[in-house]
Amino acid sequence: MTTVILVIHVMLAVALVAVVLLQRSEGGALGIGGGGGMGGLMTGRATANLLSRTTAILAACFMLTSLTLAYMARVTHEPTSIVAPQPGQTVPALPAAPEMPAAPTGEAAPETPAGPEVPLAQ
């Protein structure tokens, strides 16, 4: 479901950019659809009204899909821990500790001192 809404969202974004670029600029001849070269199909005022309405509808749909995607991301997101394994995930076993070699026969193992010979200062 999220993928479908995301595809619609991207298509709305592209359409919104195209419609905004088609509009006539107030500051000069930057718009693609500006000028008198429309061929008489629609008057300048009718074109402006149509593009303004289309822009408003596309912008409203874009905001609706944005809010829907944000809500769906919040609802489906579950906090996870990087320490604990996920459900159904197995934890790899730790390698076995290497065995200590046995003391050579005939020699006694060195004794470990019980503590320091000199008392520690207090």
N, C-alpha and C. Protein backbone atom coordinates (compact mmCIF):
# COMPACT_ATOMS: atom_id res chain seq x y z
N MET A 1 0.83 -1.19 0.00
CA MET A 1 0.00 0.00 0.00
C MET A 1 0.87 1.26 0.00
N THR A 2 1.93 1.22 0.77
CA THR A 2 2.82 2.37 0.83
C THR A 2 3.46 2.63 -0.52
N THR A 3 3.80 1.58 -1.24
CA THR A 3 4.43 1.74 -2.54
C THR A 3 3.48 2.41 -3.53
N VAL A 4 2.23 2.03 -3.50
CA VAL A 4 1.24 2.62 -4.40
C VAL A 4 1.09 4.11 -4.12
N ILE A 5 0.97 4.46 -2.86
CA ILE A 5 0.82 5.88 -2.50
C ILE A 5 2.10 6.65 -2.83
N LEU A 6 3.24 6.03 -2.66
CA LEU A 6 4.50 6.68 -2.99
C LEU A 6 4.61 6.95 -4.49
N VAL A 7 4.18 6.01 -5.31
CA VAL A 7 4.21 6.21 -6.77
C VAL A 7 3.25 7.34 -7.16
N ILE A 8 2.06 7.36 -6.58
CA ILE A 8 1.11 8.45 -6.84
C ILE A 8 1.70 9.78 -6.40
N HIS A 9 2.38 9.79 -5.27
CA HIS A 9 3.00 11.00 -4.74
C HIS A 9 4.05 11.54 -5.71
N VAL A 10 4.88 10.68 -6.26
CA VAL A 10 5.91 11.11 -7.20
C VAL A 10 5.27 11.62 -8.49
N MET A 11 4.23 10.95 -8.96
CA MET A 11 3.54 11.42 -10.17
C MET A 11 2.89 12.78 -9.94
N LEU A 12 2.32 13.00 -8.77
CA LEU A 12 1.75 14.30 -8.45
C LEU A 12 2.83 15.38 -8.41
N ALA A 13 3.99 15.04 -7.88
CA ALA A 13 5.08 16.02 -7.80
C ALA A 13 5.54 16.43 -9.19
N VAL A 14 5.68 15.47 -10.09
CA VAL A 14 6.10 15.78 -11.46
C VAL A 14 5.04 16.61 -12.16
N ALA A 15 3.76 16.26 -12.00
CA ALA A 15 2.68 17.01 -12.63
C ALA A 15 2.60 18.42 -12.07
N LEU A 16 2.82 18.58 -10.77
CA LEU A 16 2.78 19.90 -10.15
C LEU A 16 3.89 20.79 -10.68
N VAL A 17 5.08 20.23 -10.83
CA VAL A 17 6.19 21.01 -11.38
C VAL A 17 5.88 21.43 -12.82
N ALA A 18 5.32 20.51 -13.62
CA ALA A 18 5.00 20.82 -15.01
C ALA A 18 3.94 21.91 -15.11
N VAL A 19 2.91 21.84 -14.29
CA VAL A 19 1.84 22.84 -14.33
C VAL A 19 2.35 24.20 -13.88
N VAL A 20 3.20 24.23 -12.88
CA VAL A 20 3.75 25.51 -12.42
C VAL A 20 4.63 26.12 -13.50
N LEU A 21 5.39 25.30 -14.20
CA LEU A 21 6.24 25.84 -15.27
C LEU A 21 5.43 26.31 -16.47
N LEU A 22 4.24 25.80 -16.66
CA LEU A 22 3.40 26.24 -17.77
C LEU A 22 2.76 27.60 -17.53
N GLN A 23 2.66 28.01 -16.30
CA GLN A 23 1.99 29.27 -15.98
C GLN A 23 2.81 30.46 -16.42
N ARG A 24 2.11 31.52 -16.71
CA ARG A 24 2.76 32.75 -17.14
C ARG A 24 3.35 33.46 -15.93
N SER A 25 4.56 33.94 -16.10
CA SER A 25 5.25 34.62 -15.01
C SER A 25 4.76 36.05 -14.90
N GLU A 26 4.67 36.57 -13.70
CA GLU A 26 4.29 37.97 -13.49
C GLU A 26 5.42 38.91 -13.83
N GLY A 27 6.66 38.44 -13.65
CA GLY A 27 7.81 39.32 -13.82
C GLY A 27 8.36 39.37 -15.23
N GLY A 28 7.89 38.57 -16.14
CA GLY A 28 8.44 38.61 -17.49
C GLY A 28 7.97 37.40 -18.27
N ALA A 29 8.69 37.11 -19.33
CA ALA A 29 8.30 36.02 -20.21
C ALA A 29 9.04 34.74 -19.86
N LEU A 30 8.97 34.32 -18.61
CA LEU A 30 9.66 33.11 -18.20
C LEU A 30 8.79 31.87 -18.35
N GLY A 31 7.48 32.04 -18.39
CA GLY A 31 6.59 30.89 -18.49
C GLY A 31 6.61 30.29 -19.88
N ILE A 32 6.46 28.98 -19.95
CA ILE A 32 6.45 28.30 -21.24
C ILE A 32 5.16 28.62 -21.99
N GLY A 33 4.06 28.67 -21.29
CA GLY A 33 2.77 28.91 -21.93
C GLY A 33 2.43 30.37 -22.08
N GLY A 34 3.33 31.26 -21.80
CA GLY A 34 3.06 32.69 -21.89
C GLY A 34 3.05 33.18 -23.33
N GLY A 35 2.70 34.42 -23.49
CA GLY A 35 2.70 35.00 -24.84
C GLY A 35 1.38 34.76 -25.54
N GLY A 36 1.28 35.27 -26.75
CA GLY A 36 0.04 35.15 -27.50
C GLY A 36 0.03 33.98 -28.43
N GLY A 37 0.95 33.07 -28.35
CA GLY A 37 1.05 31.97 -29.29
C GLY A 37 0.21 30.77 -28.94
N MET A 38 -0.89 30.94 -28.29
CA MET A 38 -1.72 29.80 -27.91
C MET A 38 -2.58 29.32 -29.08
N GLY A 39 -2.62 30.03 -30.17
CA GLY A 39 -3.37 29.58 -31.33
C GLY A 39 -4.86 29.83 -31.23
N GLY A 40 -5.32 30.62 -30.30
CA GLY A 40 -6.73 30.93 -30.18
C GLY A 40 -7.55 29.83 -29.55
N LEU A 41 -6.93 28.78 -29.04
CA LEU A 41 -7.68 27.70 -28.42
C LEU A 41 -8.38 28.18 -27.15
N MET A 42 -7.61 28.87 -26.34
CA MET A 42 -8.17 29.42 -25.10
C MET A 42 -7.64 30.83 -24.95
N THR A 43 -8.42 31.67 -24.33
CA THR A 43 -7.95 33.03 -24.09
C THR A 43 -6.95 33.01 -22.95
N GLY A 44 -6.23 34.09 -22.80
CA GLY A 44 -5.24 34.19 -21.73
C GLY A 44 -5.84 34.04 -20.35
N ARG A 45 -7.02 34.63 -20.15
CA ARG A 45 -7.67 34.54 -18.85
C ARG A 45 -8.16 33.12 -18.56
N ALA A 46 -8.70 32.44 -19.54
CA ALA A 46 -9.19 31.07 -19.35
C ALA A 46 -8.03 30.13 -19.06
N THR A 47 -6.89 30.36 -19.75
CA THR A 47 -5.72 29.53 -19.50
C THR A 47 -5.21 29.73 -18.07
N ALA A 48 -5.18 30.98 -17.63
CA ALA A 48 -4.71 31.27 -16.27
C ALA A 48 -5.62 30.64 -15.23
N ASN A 49 -6.94 30.71 -15.46
CA ASN A 49 -7.88 30.11 -14.51
C ASN A 49 -7.72 28.59 -14.47
N LEU A 50 -7.59 27.97 -15.64
CA LEU A 50 -7.44 26.52 -15.70
C LEU A 50 -6.15 26.07 -15.01
N LEU A 51 -5.05 26.74 -15.30
CA LEU A 51 -3.77 26.37 -14.68
C LEU A 51 -3.76 26.65 -13.18
N SER A 52 -4.42 27.71 -12.75
CA SER A 52 -4.49 28.01 -11.31
C SER A 52 -5.29 26.95 -10.57
N ARG A 53 -6.41 26.55 -11.16
CA ARG A 53 -7.22 25.51 -10.52
C ARG A 53 -6.49 24.17 -10.50
N THR A 54 -5.83 23.86 -11.62
CA THR A 54 -5.09 22.61 -11.69
C THR A 54 -3.97 22.60 -10.67
N THR A 55 -3.28 23.73 -10.52
CA THR A 55 -2.21 23.83 -9.53
C THR A 55 -2.76 23.63 -8.12
N ALA A 56 -3.88 24.24 -7.82
CA ALA A 56 -4.47 24.11 -6.48
C ALA A 56 -4.89 22.67 -6.20
N ILE A 57 -5.49 22.01 -7.20
CA ILE A 57 -5.93 20.63 -6.99
C ILE A 57 -4.73 19.70 -6.82
N LEU A 58 -3.72 19.88 -7.67
CA LEU A 58 -2.52 19.04 -7.55
C LEU A 58 -1.80 19.28 -6.23
N ALA A 59 -1.74 20.53 -5.79
CA ALA A 59 -1.09 20.84 -4.51
C ALA A 59 -1.84 20.21 -3.35
N ALA A 60 -3.17 20.25 -3.40
CA ALA A 60 -3.97 19.63 -2.32
C ALA A 60 -3.76 18.12 -2.30
N CYS A 61 -3.76 17.49 -3.47
CA CYS A 61 -3.52 16.04 -3.53
C CYS A 61 -2.11 15.69 -3.07
N PHE A 62 -1.14 16.53 -3.43
CA PHE A 62 0.24 16.30 -3.00
C PHE A 62 0.36 16.37 -1.48
N MET A 63 -0.28 17.35 -0.87
CA MET A 63 -0.24 17.46 0.59
C MET A 63 -0.97 16.28 1.24
N LEU A 64 -2.06 15.83 0.64
CA LEU A 64 -2.80 14.69 1.19
C LEU A 64 -1.94 13.42 1.15
N THR A 65 -1.25 13.19 0.03
CA THR A 65 -0.39 12.00 -0.03
C THR A 65 0.81 12.15 0.91
N SER A 66 1.30 13.37 1.09
CA SER A 66 2.41 13.58 2.03
C SER A 66 1.99 13.22 3.45
N LEU A 67 0.83 13.70 3.85
CA LEU A 67 0.35 13.40 5.20
C LEU A 67 0.05 11.90 5.36
N THR A 68 -0.50 11.29 4.31
CA THR A 68 -0.79 9.86 4.37
C THR A 68 0.48 9.04 4.52
N LEU A 69 1.51 9.38 3.75
CA LEU A 69 2.78 8.66 3.85
C LEU A 69 3.43 8.86 5.23
N ALA A 70 3.33 10.06 5.76
CA ALA A 70 3.90 10.32 7.10
C ALA A 70 3.16 9.52 8.16
N TYR A 71 1.83 9.46 8.05
CA TYR A 71 1.05 8.68 9.02
C TYR A 71 1.36 7.20 8.91
N MET A 72 1.45 6.70 7.69
CA MET A 72 1.74 5.28 7.51
C MET A 72 3.14 4.92 8.01
N ALA A 73 4.08 5.81 7.85
CA ALA A 73 5.44 5.56 8.34
C ALA A 73 5.46 5.55 9.87
N ARG A 74 4.67 6.40 10.49
CA ARG A 74 4.63 6.45 11.95
C ARG A 74 3.95 5.22 12.53
N VAL A 75 2.89 4.77 11.90
CA VAL A 75 2.12 3.64 12.42
C VAL A 75 2.89 2.34 12.25
N THR A 76 3.54 2.14 11.12
CA THR A 76 4.19 0.86 10.87
C THR A 76 5.59 0.78 11.46
N HIS A 77 6.11 1.87 11.96
CA HIS A 77 7.47 1.85 12.52
C HIS A 77 7.43 1.33 13.95
N GLU A 78 8.21 0.32 14.19
CA GLU A 78 8.32 -0.22 15.54
C GLU A 78 9.74 0.03 16.02
N PRO A 79 9.89 0.48 17.25
CA PRO A 79 11.25 0.71 17.74
C PRO A 79 12.04 -0.59 17.79
N THR A 80 13.26 -0.52 17.34
CA THR A 80 14.11 -1.70 17.33
C THR A 80 15.37 -1.42 18.11
N SER A 81 15.97 -2.47 18.58
CA SER A 81 17.22 -2.35 19.30
C SER A 81 18.32 -2.92 18.44
N ILE A 82 19.47 -2.25 18.46
CA ILE A 82 20.59 -2.76 17.68
C ILE A 82 21.31 -3.86 18.45
N VAL A 83 20.98 -4.01 19.74
CA VAL A 83 21.64 -5.02 20.56
C VAL A 83 20.86 -6.32 20.55
N ALA A 84 19.55 -6.25 20.74
CA ALA A 84 18.72 -7.45 20.82
C ALA A 84 18.43 -7.96 19.41
N PRO A 85 18.40 -9.28 19.23
CA PRO A 85 18.07 -9.82 17.92
C PRO A 85 16.60 -9.60 17.59
N GLN A 86 16.30 -9.48 16.32
CA GLN A 86 14.93 -9.31 15.87
C GLN A 86 14.19 -10.64 16.01
N PRO A 87 12.86 -10.61 16.07
CA PRO A 87 12.11 -11.87 16.15
C PRO A 87 12.38 -12.72 14.90
N GLY A 88 12.68 -13.98 15.12
CA GLY A 88 12.96 -14.88 14.02
C GLY A 88 14.40 -14.86 13.56
N GLN A 89 15.21 -14.01 14.15
CA GLN A 89 16.62 -13.91 13.76
C GLN A 89 17.44 -14.75 14.73
N THR A 90 18.37 -15.50 14.20
CA THR A 90 19.22 -16.33 15.05
C THR A 90 20.51 -15.59 15.35
N VAL A 91 21.01 -15.82 16.54
CA VAL A 91 22.25 -15.20 16.96
C VAL A 91 23.38 -16.18 16.65
N PRO A 92 24.43 -15.74 15.97
CA PRO A 92 25.52 -16.67 15.68
C PRO A 92 26.21 -17.11 16.98
N ALA A 93 26.61 -18.37 17.01
CA ALA A 93 27.27 -18.91 18.20
C ALA A 93 28.69 -18.37 18.28
N LEU A 94 29.13 -18.15 19.49
CA LEU A 94 30.50 -17.70 19.69
C LEU A 94 31.45 -18.87 19.47
N PRO A 95 32.62 -18.59 18.92
CA PRO A 95 33.56 -19.70 18.74
C PRO A 95 34.02 -20.24 20.09
N ALA A 96 34.31 -21.52 20.12
CA ALA A 96 34.74 -22.15 21.36
C ALA A 96 36.10 -21.57 21.77
N ALA A 97 36.27 -21.43 23.08
CA ALA A 97 37.53 -20.90 23.58
C ALA A 97 38.65 -21.92 23.33
N PRO A 98 39.81 -21.45 22.91
CA PRO A 98 40.91 -22.41 22.66
C PRO A 98 41.35 -23.05 23.97
N GLU A 99 41.70 -24.31 23.87
CA GLU A 99 42.13 -25.02 25.07
C GLU A 99 43.56 -24.61 25.42
N MET A 100 43.80 -24.52 26.71
CA MET A 100 45.15 -24.18 27.18
C MET A 100 46.01 -25.44 27.08
N PRO A 101 47.23 -25.28 26.62
CA PRO A 101 48.08 -26.48 26.55
C PRO A 101 48.40 -26.98 27.96
N ALA A 102 48.50 -28.26 28.08
CA ALA A 102 48.79 -28.87 29.38
C ALA A 102 50.26 -28.61 29.72
N ALA A 103 50.54 -28.57 31.03
CA ALA A 103 51.92 -28.35 31.47
C ALA A 103 52.75 -29.55 31.07
N PRO A 104 53.97 -29.31 30.68
CA PRO A 104 54.82 -30.45 30.29
C PRO A 104 54.98 -31.40 31.47
N THR A 105 55.05 -32.67 31.16
CA THR A 105 55.21 -33.67 32.22
C THR A 105 56.62 -33.61 32.78
N GLY A 106 56.73 -33.81 34.01
CA GLY A 106 58.03 -33.79 34.66
C GLY A 106 58.34 -32.44 35.28
N GLU A 107 57.70 -31.40 34.83
CA GLU A 107 57.93 -30.08 35.42
C GLU A 107 56.66 -29.65 36.12
N ALA A 108 56.83 -29.03 37.23
CA ALA A 108 55.67 -28.53 37.96
C ALA A 108 55.25 -27.20 37.36
N ALA A 109 53.98 -26.93 37.41
CA ALA A 109 53.48 -25.66 36.91
C ALA A 109 53.94 -24.56 37.84
N PRO A 110 54.29 -23.40 37.32
CA PRO A 110 54.75 -22.31 38.19
C PRO A 110 53.63 -21.88 39.13
N GLU A 111 54.01 -21.58 40.36
CA GLU A 111 53.03 -21.14 41.34
C GLU A 111 52.74 -19.66 41.15
N THR A 112 51.53 -19.30 41.36
CA THR A 112 51.17 -17.90 41.28
C THR A 112 51.26 -17.30 42.68
N PRO A 113 51.83 -16.13 42.78
CA PRO A 113 51.94 -15.52 44.12
C PRO A 113 50.56 -15.23 44.70
N ALA A 114 50.46 -15.40 46.02
CA ALA A 114 49.19 -15.21 46.70
C ALA A 114 48.86 -13.73 46.80
N GLY A 115 49.85 -12.86 46.83
CA GLY A 115 49.59 -11.42 46.97
C GLY A 115 50.91 -10.70 46.97
N PRO A 116 50.86 -9.38 47.09
CA PRO A 116 52.12 -8.64 47.09
C PRO A 116 52.91 -8.91 48.35
N GLU A 117 54.21 -8.90 48.20
CA GLU A 117 55.08 -9.16 49.36
C GLU A 117 55.20 -7.93 50.23
N VAL A 118 55.07 -6.76 49.63
CA VAL A 118 55.18 -5.53 50.39
C VAL A 118 53.77 -5.00 50.60
N PRO A 119 53.43 -4.64 51.84
CA PRO A 119 52.06 -4.13 52.07
C PRO A 119 51.85 -2.81 51.32
N LEU A 120 50.65 -2.64 50.85
CA LEU A 120 50.30 -1.42 50.13
C LEU A 120 50.07 -0.29 51.09
N ALA A 121 50.43 0.93 50.70
CA ALA A 121 50.22 2.11 51.56
C ALA A 121 48.73 2.39 51.63
N GLN A 122 48.32 2.84 52.80
CA GLN A 122 46.89 3.11 52.98
C GLN A 122 46.62 4.57 52.92
